[in-house]
């Protein structure tokens, strides 16, 4: 892979991260959708000790592939 190709891909990924950071949903036709999902605060259990712990609310990135993308796999 050439240096120019790597730079273009890195700029593209940086833009995706920036848009997701601003709370935007990104849809690429025939590829898929990137979006931020909110996870509610909840109770959890420490597997080592069995103690109940509080797990804070958080955000995560979700990717859902487009049907045409899935068909190719």
PDB file of N, CA and C in Angstrom:
ATOM      1  N   UNK A   1       0.859  -1.169   0.000  1.00  0.00           N
ATOM      2  CA  UNK A   1       0.000   0.000   0.000  1.00  0.00           C
ATOM      3  C   UNK A   1       0.903   1.230   0.000  1.00  0.00           C
ATOM      4  N   UNK A   2       0.606   2.158  -0.857  1.00  0.00           N
ATOM      5  CA  UNK A   2       1.432   3.351  -0.964  1.00  0.00           C
ATOM      6  C   UNK A   2       1.173   4.315   0.186  1.00  0.00           C
ATOM      7  N   UNK A   3       2.117   5.209   0.384  1.00  0.00           N
ATOM      8  CA  UNK A   3       2.005   6.209   1.442  1.00  0.00           C
ATOM      9  C   UNK A   3       0.802   7.121   1.192  1.00  0.00           C
ATOM     10  N   UNK A   4       0.561   7.472  -0.052  1.00  0.00           N
ATOM     11  CA  UNK A   4      -0.590   8.319  -0.384  1.00  0.00           C
ATOM     12  C   UNK A   4      -1.904   7.619  -0.024  1.00  0.00           C
ATOM     13  N   UNK A   5      -2.000   6.340  -0.331  1.00  0.00           N
ATOM     14  CA  UNK A   5      -3.203   5.579   0.003  1.00  0.00           C
ATOM     15  C   UNK A   5      -3.423   5.549   1.508  1.00  0.00           C
ATOM     16  N   UNK A   6      -2.374   5.301   2.260  1.00  0.00           N
ATOM     17  CA  UNK A   6      -2.473   5.270   3.723  1.00  0.00           C
ATOM     18  C   UNK A   6      -2.924   6.624   4.265  1.00  0.00           C
ATOM     19  N   UNK A   7      -2.381   7.707   3.710  1.00  0.00           N
ATOM     20  CA  UNK A   7      -2.754   9.048   4.161  1.00  0.00           C
ATOM     21  C   UNK A   7      -4.225   9.346   3.876  1.00  0.00           C
ATOM     22  N   UNK A   8      -4.707   8.961   2.706  1.00  0.00           N
ATOM     23  CA  UNK A   8      -6.105   9.204   2.341  1.00  0.00           C
ATOM     24  C   UNK A   8      -7.034   8.408   3.257  1.00  0.00           C
ATOM     25  N   UNK A   9      -6.701   7.154   3.497  1.00  0.00           N
ATOM     26  CA  UNK A   9      -7.534   6.322   4.380  1.00  0.00           C
ATOM     27  C   UNK A   9      -7.525   6.883   5.796  1.00  0.00           C
ATOM     28  N   UNK A  10      -6.359   7.328   6.276  1.00  0.00           N
ATOM     29  CA  UNK A  10      -6.283   7.886   7.628  1.00  0.00           C
ATOM     30  C   UNK A  10      -7.113   9.159   7.745  1.00  0.00           C
ATOM     31  N   UNK A  11      -7.071  10.020   6.741  1.00  0.00           N
ATOM     32  CA  UNK A  11      -7.897  11.230   6.751  1.00  0.00           C
ATOM     33  C   UNK A  11      -9.384  10.878   6.770  1.00  0.00           C
ATOM     34  N   UNK A  12      -9.761   9.876   5.995  1.00  0.00           N
ATOM     35  CA  UNK A  12     -11.152   9.416   5.963  1.00  0.00           C
ATOM     36  C   UNK A  12     -11.590   8.919   7.334  1.00  0.00           C
ATOM     37  N   UNK A  13     -10.761   8.101   7.974  1.00  0.00           N
ATOM     38  CA  UNK A  13     -11.084   7.583   9.305  1.00  0.00           C
ATOM     39  C   UNK A  13     -11.139   8.704  10.338  1.00  0.00           C
ATOM     40  N   UNK A  14     -10.241   9.672  10.227  1.00  0.00           N
ATOM     41  CA  UNK A  14     -10.269  10.824  11.142  1.00  0.00           C
ATOM     42  C   UNK A  14     -11.578  11.595  11.007  1.00  0.00           C
ATOM     43  N   UNK A  15     -12.073  11.734   9.782  1.00  0.00           N
ATOM     44  CA  UNK A  15     -13.341  12.419   9.552  1.00  0.00           C
ATOM     45  C   UNK A  15     -14.510  11.630  10.146  1.00  0.00           C
ATOM     46  N   UNK A  16     -14.474  10.318  10.024  1.00  0.00           N
ATOM     47  CA  UNK A  16     -15.525   9.491  10.627  1.00  0.00           C
ATOM     48  C   UNK A  16     -15.544   9.691  12.135  1.00  0.00           C
ATOM     49  N   UNK A  17     -14.384   9.628  12.759  1.00  0.00           N
ATOM     50  CA  UNK A  17     -14.286   9.815  14.215  1.00  0.00           C
ATOM     51  C   UNK A  17     -14.790  11.205  14.604  1.00  0.00           C
ATOM     52  N   UNK A  18     -14.414  12.224  13.837  1.00  0.00           N
ATOM     53  CA  UNK A  18     -14.857  13.589  14.125  1.00  0.00           C
ATOM     54  C   UNK A  18     -16.365  13.739  14.041  1.00  0.00           C
ATOM     55  N   UNK A  19     -16.959  13.174  12.999  1.00  0.00           N
ATOM     56  CA  UNK A  19     -18.413  13.265  12.836  1.00  0.00           C
ATOM     57  C   UNK A  19     -19.140  12.505  13.939  1.00  0.00           C
ATOM     58  N   UNK A  20     -18.662  11.335  14.301  1.00  0.00           N
ATOM     59  CA  UNK A  20     -19.279  10.584  15.389  1.00  0.00           C
ATOM     60  C   UNK A  20     -19.134  11.343  16.706  1.00  0.00           C
ATOM     61  N   UNK A  21     -17.996  12.009  16.882  1.00  0.00           N
ATOM     62  CA  UNK A  21     -17.773  12.807  18.084  1.00  0.00           C
ATOM     63  C   UNK A  21     -18.742  13.972  18.203  1.00  0.00           C
ATOM     64  N   UNK A  22     -19.219  14.463  17.062  1.00  0.00           N
ATOM     65  CA  UNK A  22     -20.203  15.547  17.049  1.00  0.00           C
ATOM     66  C   UNK A  22     -21.635  15.007  17.148  1.00  0.00           C
ATOM     67  N   UNK A  23     -21.770  13.695  17.280  1.00  0.00           N
ATOM     68  CA  UNK A  23     -23.084  13.090  17.449  1.00  0.00           C
ATOM     69  C   UNK A  23     -23.809  12.775  16.159  1.00  0.00           C
ATOM     70  N   UNK A  24     -23.111  12.824  15.041  1.00  0.00           N
ATOM     71  CA  UNK A  24     -23.746  12.559  13.750  1.00  0.00           C
ATOM     72  C   UNK A  24     -23.727  11.070  13.412  1.00  0.00           C
ATOM     73  N   UNK A  25     -24.743  10.662  12.677  1.00  0.00           N
ATOM     74  CA  UNK A  25     -24.846   9.291  12.165  1.00  0.00           C
ATOM     75  C   UNK A  25     -24.293   9.305  10.745  1.00  0.00           C
ATOM     76  N   UNK A  26     -23.474   8.317  10.398  1.00  0.00           N
ATOM     77  CA  UNK A  26     -22.874   8.259   9.067  1.00  0.00           C
ATOM     78  C   UNK A  26     -23.388   7.048   8.313  1.00  0.00           C
ATOM     79  N   UNK A  27     -23.974   7.296   7.153  1.00  0.00           N
ATOM     80  CA  UNK A  27     -24.495   6.214   6.329  1.00  0.00           C
ATOM     81  C   UNK A  27     -23.765   6.198   4.998  1.00  0.00           C
ATOM     82  N   UNK A  28     -23.170   5.063   4.677  1.00  0.00           N
ATOM     83  CA  UNK A  28     -22.494   4.866   3.402  1.00  0.00           C
ATOM     84  C   UNK A  28     -23.291   3.832   2.616  1.00  0.00           C
ATOM     85  N   UNK A  29     -23.896   4.255   1.528  1.00  0.00           N
ATOM     86  CA  UNK A  29     -24.740   3.379   0.719  1.00  0.00           C
ATOM     87  C   UNK A  29     -23.962   2.135   0.307  1.00  0.00           C
ATOM     88  N   UNK A  30     -24.621   1.012   0.388  1.00  0.00           N
ATOM     89  CA  UNK A  30     -24.083  -0.298   0.036  1.00  0.00           C
ATOM     90  C   UNK A  30     -22.869  -0.705   0.870  1.00  0.00           C
ATOM     91  N   UNK A  31     -22.619  -0.005   1.972  1.00  0.00           N
ATOM     92  CA  UNK A  31     -21.543  -0.384   2.892  1.00  0.00           C
ATOM     93  C   UNK A  31     -22.097  -0.577   4.296  1.00  0.00           C
ATOM     94  N   UNK A  32     -22.666   0.484   4.878  1.00  0.00           N
ATOM     95  CA  UNK A  32     -23.238   0.352   6.205  1.00  0.00           C
ATOM     96  C   UNK A  32     -23.406   1.684   6.909  1.00  0.00           C
ATOM     97  N   UNK A  33     -23.773   1.593   8.197  1.00  0.00           N
ATOM     98  CA  UNK A  33     -24.067   2.775   9.006  1.00  0.00           C
ATOM     99  C   UNK A  33     -23.241   2.742  10.287  1.00  0.00           C
ATOM    100  N   UNK A  34     -22.597   3.871  10.579  1.00  0.00           N
ATOM    101  CA  UNK A  34     -21.897   4.066  11.846  1.00  0.00           C
ATOM    102  C   UNK A  34     -22.741   5.015  12.689  1.00  0.00           C
ATOM    103  N   UNK A  35     -22.950   4.669  13.956  1.00  0.00           N
ATOM    104  CA  UNK A  35     -23.672   5.571  14.840  1.00  0.00           C
ATOM    105  C   UNK A  35     -23.245   5.331  16.288  1.00  0.00           C
ATOM    106  N   UNK A  36     -23.546   6.326  17.130  1.00  0.00           N
ATOM    107  CA  UNK A  36     -23.239   6.237  18.551  1.00  0.00           C
ATOM    108  C   UNK A  36     -24.453   5.659  19.270  1.00  0.00           C
ATOM    109  N   UNK A  37     -24.218   4.669  20.104  1.00  0.00           N
ATOM    110  CA  UNK A  37     -25.290   4.085  20.921  1.00  0.00           C
ATOM    111  C   UNK A  37     -25.006   4.406  22.386  1.00  0.00           C
ATOM    112  N   UNK A  38     -26.048   4.806  23.086  1.00  0.00           N
ATOM    113  CA  UNK A  38     -25.947   5.107  24.511  1.00  0.00           C
ATOM    114  C   UNK A  38     -26.240   3.841  25.305  1.00  0.00           C
ATOM    115  N   UNK A  39     -25.389   3.567  26.279  1.00  0.00           N
ATOM    116  CA  UNK A  39     -25.628   2.435  27.168  1.00  0.00           C
ATOM    117  C   UNK A  39     -25.993   2.988  28.536  1.00  0.00           C
ATOM    118  N   UNK A  40     -27.109   2.543  29.057  1.00  0.00           N
ATOM    119  CA  UNK A  40     -27.602   3.036  30.345  1.00  0.00           C
ATOM    120  C   UNK A  40     -26.729   2.521  31.492  1.00  0.00           C
ATOM    121  N   UNK A  41     -26.737   3.279  32.590  1.00  0.00           N
ATOM    122  CA  UNK A  41     -26.050   2.825  33.802  1.00  0.00           C
ATOM    123  C   UNK A  41     -26.748   1.554  34.294  1.00  0.00           C
ATOM    124  N   UNK A  42     -25.978   0.675  34.891  1.00  0.00           N
ATOM    125  CA  UNK A  42     -26.565  -0.589  35.343  1.00  0.00           C
ATOM    126  C   UNK A  42     -25.748  -1.188  36.471  1.00  0.00           C
ATOM    127  N   UNK A  43     -26.306  -2.200  37.078  1.00  0.00           N
ATOM    128  CA  UNK A  43     -25.598  -2.941  38.117  1.00  0.00           C
ATOM    129  C   UNK A  43     -24.878  -4.107  37.452  1.00  0.00           C
ATOM    130  N   UNK A  44     -23.695  -4.408  37.939  1.00  0.00           N
ATOM    131  CA  UNK A  44     -22.927  -5.533  37.428  1.00  0.00           C
ATOM    132  C   UNK A  44     -22.377  -6.342  38.588  1.00  0.00           C
ATOM    133  N   UNK A  45     -21.638  -7.365  38.254  1.00  0.00           N
ATOM    134  CA  UNK A  45     -21.074  -8.217  39.289  1.00  0.00           C
ATOM    135  C   UNK A  45     -19.602  -8.468  38.967  1.00  0.00           C
ATOM    136  N   UNK A  46     -18.762  -8.297  39.976  1.00  0.00           N
ATOM    137  CA  UNK A  46     -17.347  -8.597  39.831  1.00  0.00           C
ATOM    138  C   UNK A  46     -17.217 -10.123  39.788  1.00  0.00           C
ATOM    139  N   UNK A  47     -16.729 -10.684  38.676  1.00  0.00           N
ATOM    140  CA  UNK A  47     -16.685 -12.141  38.561  1.00  0.00           C
ATOM    141  C   UNK A  47     -15.704 -12.803  39.535  1.00  0.00           C
ATOM    142  N   UNK A  48     -14.707 -12.061  39.950  1.00  0.00           N
ATOM    143  CA  UNK A  48     -13.711 -12.624  40.864  1.00  0.00           C
ATOM    144  C   UNK A  48     -14.225 -12.708  42.297  1.00  0.00           C
ATOM    145  N   UNK A  49     -14.905 -11.634  42.746  1.00  0.00           N
ATOM    146  CA  UNK A  49     -15.340 -11.584  44.146  1.00  0.00           C
ATOM    147  C   UNK A  49     -16.832 -11.821  44.321  1.00  0.00           C
ATOM    148  N   UNK A  50     -17.607 -11.630  43.238  1.00  0.00           N
ATOM    149  CA  UNK A  50     -19.050 -11.775  43.334  1.00  0.00           C
ATOM    150  C   UNK A  50     -19.745 -10.529  43.863  1.00  0.00           C
ATOM    151  N   UNK A  51     -18.990  -9.472  44.174  1.00  0.00           N
ATOM    152  CA  UNK A  51     -19.566  -8.234  44.682  1.00  0.00           C
ATOM    153  C   UNK A  51     -20.348  -7.509  43.587  1.00  0.00           C
ATOM    154  N   UNK A  52     -21.433  -6.828  43.986  1.00  0.00           N
ATOM    155  CA  UNK A  52     -22.211  -6.003  43.067  1.00  0.00           C
ATOM    156  C   UNK A  52     -21.487  -4.677  42.876  1.00  0.00           C
ATOM    157  N   UNK A  53     -21.412  -4.229  41.614  1.00  0.00           N
ATOM    158  CA  UNK A  53     -20.756  -2.953  41.302  1.00  0.00           C
ATOM    159  C   UNK A  53     -21.676  -2.118  40.428  1.00  0.00           C
ATOM    160  N   UNK A  54     -21.470  -0.801  40.474  1.00  0.00           N
ATOM    161  CA  UNK A  54     -22.211   0.113  39.611  1.00  0.00           C
ATOM    162  C   UNK A  54     -21.400   0.332  38.344  1.00  0.00           C
ATOM    163  N   UNK A  55     -22.045   0.167  37.208  1.00  0.00           N
ATOM    164  CA  UNK A  55     -21.408   0.418  35.924  1.00  0.00           C
ATOM    165  C   UNK A  55     -22.010   1.702  35.379  1.00  0.00           C
ATOM    166  N   UNK A  56     -21.162   2.675  35.101  1.00  0.00           N
ATOM    167  CA  UNK A  56     -21.621   3.990  34.650  1.00  0.00           C
ATOM    168  C   UNK A  56     -22.198   3.917  33.235  1.00  0.00           C
ATOM    169  N   UNK A  57     -23.040   4.885  32.908  1.00  0.00           N
ATOM    170  CA  UNK A  57     -23.556   5.021  31.545  1.00  0.00           C
ATOM    171  C   UNK A  57     -22.377   5.301  30.618  1.00  0.00           C
ATOM    172  N   UNK A  58     -22.480   4.853  29.384  1.00  0.00           N
ATOM    173  CA  UNK A  58     -21.380   5.053  28.444  1.00  0.00           C
ATOM    174  C   UNK A  58     -21.920   5.129  27.026  1.00  0.00           C
ATOM    175  N   UNK A  59     -21.048   5.474  26.113  1.00  0.00           N
ATOM    176  CA  UNK A  59     -21.374   5.526  24.694  1.00  0.00           C
ATOM    177  C   UNK A  59     -20.447   4.565  23.967  1.00  0.00           C
ATOM    178  N   UNK A  60     -20.943   3.975  22.886  1.00  0.00           N
ATOM    179  CA  UNK A  60     -20.102   3.110  22.073  1.00  0.00           C
ATOM    180  C   UNK A  60     -20.473   3.306  20.608  1.00  0.00           C
ATOM    181  N   UNK A  61     -19.557   2.960  19.733  1.00  0.00           N
ATOM    182  CA  UNK A  61     -19.785   3.077  18.303  1.00  0.00           C
ATOM    183  C   UNK A  61     -20.390   1.773  17.805  1.00  0.00           C
ATOM    184  N   UNK A  62     -21.424   1.905  17.007  1.00  0.00           N
ATOM    185  CA  UNK A  62     -22.097   0.742  16.428  1.00  0.00           C
ATOM    186  C   UNK A  62     -21.953   0.809  14.913  1.00  0.00           C
ATOM    187  N   UNK A  63     -21.716  -0.344  14.296  1.00  0.00           N
ATOM    188  CA  UNK A  63     -21.688  -0.427  12.833  1.00  0.00           C
ATOM    189  C   UNK A  63     -22.661  -1.498  12.405  1.00  0.00           C
ATOM    190  N   UNK A  64     -23.559  -1.130  11.489  1.00  0.00           N
ATOM    191  CA  UNK A  64     -24.505  -2.088  10.935  1.00  0.00           C
ATOM    192  C   UNK A  64     -24.236  -2.177   9.435  1.00  0.00           C
ATOM    193  N   UNK A  65     -23.782  -3.348   8.973  1.00  0.00           N
ATOM    194  CA  UNK A  65     -23.490  -3.473   7.539  1.00  0.00           C
ATOM    195  C   UNK A  65     -24.755  -3.440   6.697  1.00  0.00           C
ATOM    196  N   UNK A  66     -24.627  -2.905   5.503  1.00  0.00           N
ATOM    197  CA  UNK A  66     -25.739  -2.866   4.551  1.00  0.00           C
ATOM    198  C   UNK A  66     -26.010  -4.271   4.022  1.00  0.00           C
ATOM    199  N   UNK A  67     -27.238  -4.537   3.600  1.00  0.00           N
ATOM    200  CA  UNK A  67     -27.570  -5.869   3.069  1.00  0.00           C
ATOM    201  C   UNK A  67     -26.646  -6.306   1.922  1.00  0.00           C
ATOM    202  N   UNK A  68     -26.302  -5.394   1.012  1.00  0.00           N
ATOM    203  CA  UNK A  68     -25.433  -5.763  -0.107  1.00  0.00           C
ATOM    204  C   UNK A  68     -24.033  -6.121   0.379  1.00  0.00           C
ATOM    205  N   UNK A  69     -23.588  -5.466   1.449  1.00  0.00           N
ATOM    206  CA  UNK A  69     -22.273  -5.762   2.045  1.00  0.00           C
ATOM    207  C   UNK A  69     -22.308  -7.168   2.642  1.00  0.00           C
ATOM    208  N   UNK A  70     -23.389  -7.482   3.360  1.00  0.00           N
ATOM    209  CA  UNK A  70     -23.525  -8.803   3.973  1.00  0.00           C
ATOM    210  C   UNK A  70     -23.582  -9.915   2.931  1.00  0.00           C
ATOM    211  N   UNK A  71     -24.252  -9.648   1.819  1.00  0.00           N
ATOM    212  CA  UNK A  71     -24.375 -10.646   0.754  1.00  0.00           C
ATOM    213  C   UNK A  71     -23.016 -11.016   0.177  1.00  0.00           C
ATOM    214  N   UNK A  72     -22.110 -10.060   0.120  1.00  0.00           N
ATOM    215  CA  UNK A  72     -20.783 -10.315  -0.433  1.00  0.00           C
ATOM    216  C   UNK A  72     -19.942 -11.204   0.466  1.00  0.00           C
ATOM    217  N   UNK A  73     -20.286 -11.205   1.755  1.00  0.00           N
ATOM    218  CA  UNK A  73     -19.553 -12.052   2.693  1.00  0.00           C
ATOM    219  C   UNK A  73     -20.082 -13.453   2.600  1.00  0.00           C
TER     220      UNK A  73
END
